[in-house]
Full PDB file with SEQRES, HELIX, SHEET, SSBOND, CRYST1, ORIGX, SCALE, CONECT and MASTER records, all heavy atoms in Angstrom:
SEQRES   1 A   30  ARG ALA ASP GLU VAL ILE CYS ASP CYS SER GLY THR THR          
SEQRES   2 A   30  ARG GLY LYS ILE ILE SER LEU VAL GLU GLN GLY ILE VAL          
SEQRES   3 A   30  ASP THR ASP THR                                              
HELIX    1 AA1 ARG A   14  GLU A   22  1                                   9    
SHEET    1 AA1 2 VAL A   5  CYS A   7  0                                        
SHEET    2 AA1 2 THR A  12  THR A  13 -1                                        
CRYST1    1.000    1.000    1.000  90.00  90.00  90.00 P 1           1          
ORIGX1      1.000000  0.000000  0.000000        0.00000                         
ORIGX2      0.000000  1.000000  0.000000        0.00000                         
ORIGX3      0.000000  0.000000  1.000000        0.00000                         
SCALE1      1.000000  0.000000  0.000000        0.00000                         
SCALE2      0.000000  1.000000  0.000000        0.00000                         
SCALE3      0.000000  0.000000  1.000000        0.00000                         
ATOM      1  N   ARG A   1     -19.748  60.348 139.233  1.00  0.00           N  
ATOM      2  CA  ARG A   1     -20.942  61.097 139.596  1.00  0.00           C  
ATOM      3  C   ARG A   1     -20.629  61.973 140.834  1.00  0.00           C  
ATOM      4  O   ARG A   1     -21.458  62.125 141.732  1.00  0.00           O  
ATOM      5  CB  ARG A   1     -22.082  60.144 139.907  1.00  0.00           C  
ATOM      6  CG  ARG A   1     -22.437  59.241 138.741  1.00  0.00           C  
ATOM      7  CD  ARG A   1     -23.551  58.286 139.058  1.00  0.00           C  
ATOM      8  NE  ARG A   1     -23.418  57.720 140.384  1.00  0.00           N  
ATOM      9  CZ  ARG A   1     -23.473  56.435 140.663  1.00  0.00           C  
ATOM     10  NH1 ARG A   1     -23.671  55.568 139.718  1.00  0.00           N  
ATOM     11  NH2 ARG A   1     -23.363  56.011 141.905  1.00  0.00           N  
ATOM     12  N   ALA A   2     -19.469  62.552 140.856  1.00  0.00           N  
ATOM     13  CA  ALA A   2     -19.002  63.298 142.077  1.00  0.00           C  
ATOM     14  C   ALA A   2     -19.927  64.457 142.443  1.00  0.00           C  
ATOM     15  O   ALA A   2     -20.053  64.769 143.592  1.00  0.00           O  
ATOM     16  CB  ALA A   2     -17.586  63.818 141.833  1.00  0.00           C  
ATOM     17  N   ASP A   3     -20.593  65.067 141.503  1.00  0.00           N  
ATOM     18  CA  ASP A   3     -21.472  66.199 141.792  1.00  0.00           C  
ATOM     19  C   ASP A   3     -22.881  65.798 142.257  1.00  0.00           C  
ATOM     20  O   ASP A   3     -23.660  66.624 142.667  1.00  0.00           O  
ATOM     21  CB  ASP A   3     -21.616  67.097 140.568  1.00  0.00           C  
ATOM     22  CG  ASP A   3     -20.329  67.810 140.214  1.00  0.00           C  
ATOM     23  OD1 ASP A   3     -19.482  67.989 141.106  1.00  0.00           O  
ATOM     24  OD2 ASP A   3     -20.149  68.187 139.045  1.00  0.00           O  
ATOM     25  N   GLU A   4     -23.153  64.492 142.202  1.00  0.00           N  
ATOM     26  CA  GLU A   4     -24.478  64.027 142.616  1.00  0.00           C  
ATOM     27  C   GLU A   4     -24.630  64.184 144.117  1.00  0.00           C  
ATOM     28  O   GLU A   4     -23.807  63.797 144.922  1.00  0.00           O  
ATOM     29  CB  GLU A   4     -24.589  62.525 142.249  1.00  0.00           C  
ATOM     30  CG  GLU A   4     -25.912  61.931 142.647  1.00  0.00           C  
ATOM     31  CD  GLU A   4     -25.989  60.449 142.314  1.00  0.00           C  
ATOM     32  OE1 GLU A   4     -25.207  59.975 141.489  1.00  0.00           O  
ATOM     33  OE2 GLU A   4     -26.829  59.777 142.948  1.00  0.00           O  
ATOM     34  N   VAL A   5     -25.746  64.779 144.519  1.00  0.00           N  
ATOM     35  CA  VAL A   5     -26.080  64.935 145.933  1.00  0.00           C  
ATOM     36  C   VAL A   5     -26.500  63.606 146.490  1.00  0.00           C  
ATOM     37  O   VAL A   5     -27.438  62.987 145.961  1.00  0.00           O  
ATOM     38  CB  VAL A   5     -27.141  65.999 146.130  1.00  0.00           C  
ATOM     39  CG1 VAL A   5     -27.578  66.079 147.619  1.00  0.00           C  
ATOM     40  CG2 VAL A   5     -26.650  67.384 145.684  1.00  0.00           C  
ATOM     41  N   ILE A   6     -25.827  63.180 147.505  1.00  0.00           N  
ATOM     42  CA  ILE A   6     -26.144  61.868 148.157  1.00  0.00           C  
ATOM     43  C   ILE A   6     -26.995  62.052 149.395  1.00  0.00           C  
ATOM     44  O   ILE A   6     -27.679  61.148 149.808  1.00  0.00           O  
ATOM     45  CB  ILE A   6     -24.852  61.093 148.400  1.00  0.00           C  
ATOM     46  CG1 ILE A   6     -25.136  59.611 148.667  1.00  0.00           C  
ATOM     47  CG2 ILE A   6     -24.051  61.687 149.539  1.00  0.00           C  
ATOM     48  CD1 ILE A   6     -23.923  58.731 148.631  1.00  0.00           C  
ATOM     49  N   CYS A   7     -26.953  63.281 150.012  1.00  0.00           N  
ATOM     50  CA  CYS A   7     -27.756  63.602 151.141  1.00  0.00           C  
ATOM     51  C   CYS A   7     -28.492  64.884 150.882  1.00  0.00           C  
ATOM     52  O   CYS A   7     -27.901  65.939 150.863  1.00  0.00           O  
ATOM     53  CB  CYS A   7     -26.905  63.727 152.405  1.00  0.00           C  
ATOM     54  SG  CYS A   7     -27.828  64.252 153.872  1.00  0.00           S  
ATOM     55  N   ASP A   8     -29.801  64.755 150.682  1.00  0.00           N  
ATOM     56  CA  ASP A   8     -30.613  65.961 150.394  1.00  0.00           C  
ATOM     57  C   ASP A   8     -30.702  66.925 151.583  1.00  0.00           C  
ATOM     58  O   ASP A   8     -30.767  68.129 151.426  1.00  0.00           O  
ATOM     59  CB  ASP A   8     -32.011  65.592 149.962  1.00  0.00           C  
ATOM     60  CG  ASP A   8     -32.033  64.947 148.601  1.00  0.00           C  
ATOM     61  OD1 ASP A   8     -31.230  65.356 147.731  1.00  0.00           O  
ATOM     62  OD2 ASP A   8     -32.854  64.038 148.380  1.00  0.00           O  
ATOM     63  N   CYS A   9     -30.681  66.377 152.810  1.00  0.00           N  
ATOM     64  CA  CYS A   9     -30.827  67.223 153.997  1.00  0.00           C  
ATOM     65  C   CYS A   9     -29.619  68.179 154.190  1.00  0.00           C  
ATOM     66  O   CYS A   9     -29.812  69.312 154.548  1.00  0.00           O  
ATOM     67  CB  CYS A   9     -30.999  66.368 155.237  1.00  0.00           C  
ATOM     68  SG  CYS A   9     -32.514  65.387 155.280  1.00  0.00           S  
ATOM     69  N   SER A  10     -28.422  67.669 153.948  1.00  0.00           N  
ATOM     70  CA  SER A  10     -27.216  68.471 154.159  1.00  0.00           C  
ATOM     71  C   SER A  10     -26.610  68.958 152.855  1.00  0.00           C  
ATOM     72  O   SER A  10     -25.722  69.798 152.866  1.00  0.00           O  
ATOM     73  CB  SER A  10     -26.168  67.632 154.907  1.00  0.00           C  
ATOM     74  OG  SER A  10     -25.662  66.587 154.076  1.00  0.00           O  
ATOM     75  N   GLY A  11     -27.068  68.428 151.698  1.00  0.00           N  
ATOM     76  CA  GLY A  11     -26.486  68.799 150.434  1.00  0.00           C  
ATOM     77  C   GLY A  11     -25.130  68.161 150.151  1.00  0.00           C  
ATOM     78  O   GLY A  11     -24.396  68.550 149.243  1.00  0.00           O  
ATOM     79  N   THR A  12     -24.800  67.143 150.918  1.00  0.00           N  
ATOM     80  CA  THR A  12     -23.534  66.444 150.762  1.00  0.00           C  
ATOM     81  C   THR A  12     -23.499  65.702 149.421  1.00  0.00           C  
ATOM     82  O   THR A  12     -24.426  64.930 149.098  1.00  0.00           O  
ATOM     83  CB  THR A  12     -23.305  65.451 151.931  1.00  0.00           C  
ATOM     84  OG1 THR A  12     -23.323  66.161 153.140  1.00  0.00           O  
ATOM     85  CG2 THR A  12     -21.964  64.732 151.780  1.00  0.00           C  
ATOM     86  N   THR A  13     -22.397  65.875 148.687  1.00  0.00           N  
ATOM     87  CA  THR A  13     -22.240  65.217 147.413  1.00  0.00           C  
ATOM     88  C   THR A  13     -21.400  63.956 147.522  1.00  0.00           C  
ATOM     89  O   THR A  13     -20.661  63.776 148.504  1.00  0.00           O  
ATOM     90  CB  THR A  13     -21.561  66.150 146.387  1.00  0.00           C  
ATOM     91  OG1 THR A  13     -20.251  66.466 146.867  1.00  0.00           O  
ATOM     92  CG2 THR A  13     -22.403  67.428 146.153  1.00  0.00           C  
ATOM     93  N   ARG A  14     -21.495  63.115 146.491  1.00  0.00           N  
ATOM     94  CA  ARG A  14     -20.590  61.936 146.424  1.00  0.00           C  
ATOM     95  C   ARG A  14     -19.157  62.410 146.450  1.00  0.00           C  
ATOM     96  O   ARG A  14     -18.312  61.766 147.085  1.00  0.00           O  
ATOM     97  CB  ARG A  14     -20.869  61.195 145.123  1.00  0.00           C  
ATOM     98  CG  ARG A  14     -22.150  60.426 145.102  1.00  0.00           C  
ATOM     99  CD  ARG A  14     -22.342  59.713 143.771  1.00  0.00           C  
ATOM    100  NE  ARG A  14     -23.327  58.702 143.852  1.00  0.00           N  
ATOM    101  CZ  ARG A  14     -23.145  57.488 144.373  1.00  0.00           C  
ATOM    102  NH1 ARG A  14     -21.997  57.190 144.877  1.00  0.00           N  
ATOM    103  NH2 ARG A  14     -24.124  56.638 144.429  1.00  0.00           N  
ATOM    104  N   GLY A  15     -18.859  63.502 145.767  1.00  0.00           N  
ATOM    105  CA  GLY A  15     -17.463  63.991 145.710  1.00  0.00           C  
ATOM    106  C   GLY A  15     -16.956  64.344 147.130  1.00  0.00           C  
ATOM    107  O   GLY A  15     -15.763  64.131 147.424  1.00  0.00           O  
ATOM    108  N   LYS A  16     -17.794  64.890 147.999  1.00  0.00           N  
ATOM    109  CA  LYS A  16     -17.369  65.216 149.346  1.00  0.00           C  
ATOM    110  C   LYS A  16     -17.062  63.935 150.118  1.00  0.00           C  
ATOM    111  O   LYS A  16     -16.022  63.872 150.832  1.00  0.00           O  
ATOM    112  CB  LYS A  16     -18.489  65.991 150.079  1.00  0.00           C  
ATOM    113  CG  LYS A  16     -18.131  66.372 151.501  1.00  0.00           C  
ATOM    114  CD  LYS A  16     -16.892  67.254 151.573  1.00  0.00           C  
ATOM    115  CE  LYS A  16     -16.621  67.651 153.006  1.00  0.00           C  
ATOM    116  NZ  LYS A  16     -15.384  68.398 153.154  1.00  0.00           N  
ATOM    117  N   ILE A  17     -17.874  62.904 149.973  1.00  0.00           N  
ATOM    118  CA  ILE A  17     -17.602  61.639 150.630  1.00  0.00           C  
ATOM    119  C   ILE A  17     -16.314  61.027 150.074  1.00  0.00           C  
ATOM    120  O   ILE A  17     -15.470  60.547 150.849  1.00  0.00           O  
ATOM    121  CB  ILE A  17     -18.771  60.636 150.425  1.00  0.00           C  
ATOM    122  CG1 ILE A  17     -20.094  61.206 150.889  1.00  0.00           C  
ATOM    123  CG2 ILE A  17     -18.459  59.289 151.093  1.00  0.00           C  
ATOM    124  CD1 ILE A  17     -20.232  61.460 152.362  1.00  0.00           C  
ATOM    125  N   ILE A  18     -16.134  61.085 148.788  1.00  0.00           N  
ATOM    126  CA  ILE A  18     -14.894  60.570 148.180  1.00  0.00           C  
ATOM    127  C   ILE A  18     -13.685  61.315 148.735  1.00  0.00           C  
ATOM    128  O   ILE A  18     -12.658  60.705 149.074  1.00  0.00           O  
ATOM    129  CB  ILE A  18     -14.951  60.681 146.620  1.00  0.00           C  
ATOM    130  CG1 ILE A  18     -16.019  59.718 146.097  1.00  0.00           C  
ATOM    131  CG2 ILE A  18     -13.615  60.415 146.002  1.00  0.00           C  
ATOM    132  CD1 ILE A  18     -16.395  59.964 144.642  1.00  0.00           C  
ATOM    133  N   SER A  19     -13.765  62.605 148.850  1.00  0.00           N  
ATOM    134  CA  SER A  19     -12.689  63.404 149.409  1.00  0.00           C  
ATOM    135  C   SER A  19     -12.354  63.001 150.819  1.00  0.00           C  
ATOM    136  O   SER A  19     -11.186  62.911 151.207  1.00  0.00           O  
ATOM    137  CB  SER A  19     -13.063  64.900 149.352  1.00  0.00           C  
ATOM    138  OG  SER A  19     -12.092  65.698 149.980  1.00  0.00           O  
ATOM    139  N   LEU A  20     -13.386  62.784 151.642  1.00  0.00           N  
ATOM    140  CA  LEU A  20     -13.132  62.382 153.022  1.00  0.00           C  
ATOM    141  C   LEU A  20     -12.493  60.982 153.082  1.00  0.00           C  
ATOM    142  O   LEU A  20     -11.568  60.795 153.884  1.00  0.00           O  
ATOM    143  CB  LEU A  20     -14.464  62.366 153.809  1.00  0.00           C  
ATOM    144  CG  LEU A  20     -15.090  63.738 154.066  1.00  0.00           C  
ATOM    145  CD1 LEU A  20     -16.453  63.568 154.675  1.00  0.00           C  
ATOM    146  CD2 LEU A  20     -14.171  64.578 154.951  1.00  0.00           C  
ATOM    147  N   VAL A  21     -12.922  60.104 152.229  1.00  0.00           N  
ATOM    148  CA  VAL A  21     -12.312  58.746 152.199  1.00  0.00           C  
ATOM    149  C   VAL A  21     -10.827  58.879 151.773  1.00  0.00           C  
ATOM    150  O   VAL A  21      -9.990  58.198 152.357  1.00  0.00           O  
ATOM    151  CB  VAL A  21     -13.094  57.822 151.260  1.00  0.00           C  
ATOM    152  CG1 VAL A  21     -12.343  56.509 150.995  1.00  0.00           C  
ATOM    153  CG2 VAL A  21     -14.490  57.518 151.824  1.00  0.00           C  
ATOM    154  N   GLU A  22     -10.571  59.749 150.822  1.00  0.00           N  
ATOM    155  CA  GLU A  22      -9.162  59.941 150.383  1.00  0.00           C  
ATOM    156  C   GLU A  22      -8.300  60.518 151.530  1.00  0.00           C  
ATOM    157  O   GLU A  22      -7.093  60.292 151.548  1.00  0.00           O  
ATOM    158  CB  GLU A  22      -9.135  60.847 149.184  1.00  0.00           C  
ATOM    159  CG  GLU A  22      -9.644  60.227 147.916  1.00  0.00           C  
ATOM    160  CD  GLU A  22      -9.806  61.157 146.734  1.00  0.00           C  
ATOM    161  OE1 GLU A  22      -9.776  62.432 146.960  1.00  0.00           O  
ATOM    162  OE2 GLU A  22      -9.991  60.695 145.642  1.00  0.00           O  
ATOM    163  N   GLN A  23      -8.933  61.144 152.478  1.00  0.00           N  
ATOM    164  CA  GLN A  23      -8.225  61.705 153.678  1.00  0.00           C  
ATOM    165  C   GLN A  23      -8.154  60.643 154.772  1.00  0.00           C  
ATOM    166  O   GLN A  23      -7.633  60.924 155.866  1.00  0.00           O  
ATOM    167  CB  GLN A  23      -8.935  62.922 154.199  1.00  0.00           C  
ATOM    168  CG  GLN A  23      -8.953  64.103 153.238  1.00  0.00           C  
ATOM    169  CD  GLN A  23      -9.863  65.214 153.743  1.00  0.00           C  
ATOM    170  OE1 GLN A  23      -9.804  65.599 154.869  1.00  0.00           O  
ATOM    171  NE2 GLN A  23     -10.704  65.698 152.856  1.00  0.00           N  
ATOM    172  N   GLY A  24      -8.706  59.464 154.547  1.00  0.00           N  
ATOM    173  CA  GLY A  24      -8.629  58.381 155.511  1.00  0.00           C  
ATOM    174  C   GLY A  24      -9.847  58.297 156.417  1.00  0.00           C  
ATOM    175  O   GLY A  24      -9.886  57.491 157.361  1.00  0.00           O  
ATOM    176  N   ILE A  25     -10.881  59.069 156.155  1.00  0.00           N  
ATOM    177  CA  ILE A  25     -12.071  59.033 156.963  1.00  0.00           C  
ATOM    178  C   ILE A  25     -13.059  58.045 156.327  1.00  0.00           C  
ATOM    179  O   ILE A  25     -13.556  58.283 155.217  1.00  0.00           O  
ATOM    180  CB  ILE A  25     -12.724  60.436 157.050  1.00  0.00           C  
ATOM    181  CG1 ILE A  25     -11.739  61.387 157.737  1.00  0.00           C  
ATOM    182  CG2 ILE A  25     -14.052  60.381 157.771  1.00  0.00           C  
ATOM    183  CD1 ILE A  25     -12.086  62.832 157.630  1.00  0.00           C  
ATOM    184  N   VAL A  26     -13.249  56.919 156.976  1.00  0.00           N  
ATOM    185  CA  VAL A  26     -14.013  55.838 156.393  1.00  0.00           C  
ATOM    186  C   VAL A  26     -15.167  55.326 157.277  1.00  0.00           C  
ATOM    187  O   VAL A  26     -15.735  54.315 156.975  1.00  0.00           O  
ATOM    188  CB  VAL A  26     -13.089  54.671 155.994  1.00  0.00           C  
ATOM    189  CG1 VAL A  26     -12.144  55.057 154.904  1.00  0.00           C  
ATOM    190  CG2 VAL A  26     -12.363  54.111 157.199  1.00  0.00           C  
ATOM    191  N   ASP A  27     -15.496  56.064 158.340  1.00  0.00           N  
ATOM    192  CA  ASP A  27     -16.590  55.608 159.179  1.00  0.00           C  
ATOM    193  C   ASP A  27     -17.746  56.642 159.102  1.00  0.00           C  
ATOM    194  O   ASP A  27     -17.528  57.847 158.965  1.00  0.00           O  
ATOM    195  CB  ASP A  27     -16.146  55.422 160.641  1.00  0.00           C  
ATOM    196  CG  ASP A  27     -15.704  56.716 161.272  1.00  0.00           C  
ATOM    197  OD1 ASP A  27     -14.540  57.147 161.001  1.00  0.00           O  
ATOM    198  OD2 ASP A  27     -16.482  57.271 162.020  1.00  0.00           O  
ATOM    199  N   THR A  28     -18.970  56.114 159.171  1.00  0.00           N  
ATOM    200  CA  THR A  28     -20.094  56.957 158.972  1.00  0.00           C  
ATOM    201  C   THR A  28     -20.304  57.994 160.073  1.00  0.00           C  
ATOM    202  O   THR A  28     -20.820  59.062 159.800  1.00  0.00           O  
ATOM    203  CB  THR A  28     -21.403  56.117 158.883  1.00  0.00           C  
ATOM    204  OG1 THR A  28     -21.516  55.260 160.005  1.00  0.00           O  
ATOM    205  CG2 THR A  28     -21.389  55.264 157.609  1.00  0.00           C  
ATOM    206  N   ASP A  29     -19.855  57.706 161.279  1.00  0.00           N  
ATOM    207  CA  ASP A  29     -20.007  58.720 162.368  1.00  0.00           C  
ATOM    208  C   ASP A  29     -19.172  59.935 162.063  1.00  0.00           C  
ATOM    209  O   ASP A  29     -19.693  61.061 162.227  1.00  0.00           O  
ATOM    210  CB  ASP A  29     -19.547  58.109 163.707  1.00  0.00           C  
ATOM    211  CG  ASP A  29     -20.519  57.084 164.262  1.00  0.00           C  
ATOM    212  OD1 ASP A  29     -21.683  57.095 163.859  1.00  0.00           O  
ATOM    213  OD2 ASP A  29     -20.091  56.295 165.125  1.00  0.00           O  
ATOM    214  N   THR A  30     -17.953  59.763 161.626  1.00  0.00           N  
ATOM    215  CA  THR A  30     -17.101  60.951 161.334  1.00  0.00           C  
ATOM    216  C   THR A  30     -17.594  61.645 160.078  1.00  0.00           C  
ATOM    217  O   THR A  30     -17.603  62.876 160.026  1.00  0.00           O  
ATOM    218  CB  THR A  30     -15.614  60.513 161.155  1.00  0.00           C  
ATOM    219  OG1 THR A  30     -15.194  59.820 162.312  1.00  0.00           O  
ATOM    220  CG2 THR A  30     -14.711  61.722 160.933  1.00  0.00           C  
TER     221      THR A  30                                                      
MASTER        0    0    0    1    2    0    0    6  220    1    0    3          
END                                                                             
């Protein structure tokens, strides 16, 4: 479900979060 918007305010998708995790970013602040 990579195209699913997970944050309506910013338009952030699941895919964007997955991409950040793949880059080693795993904390909510970053």
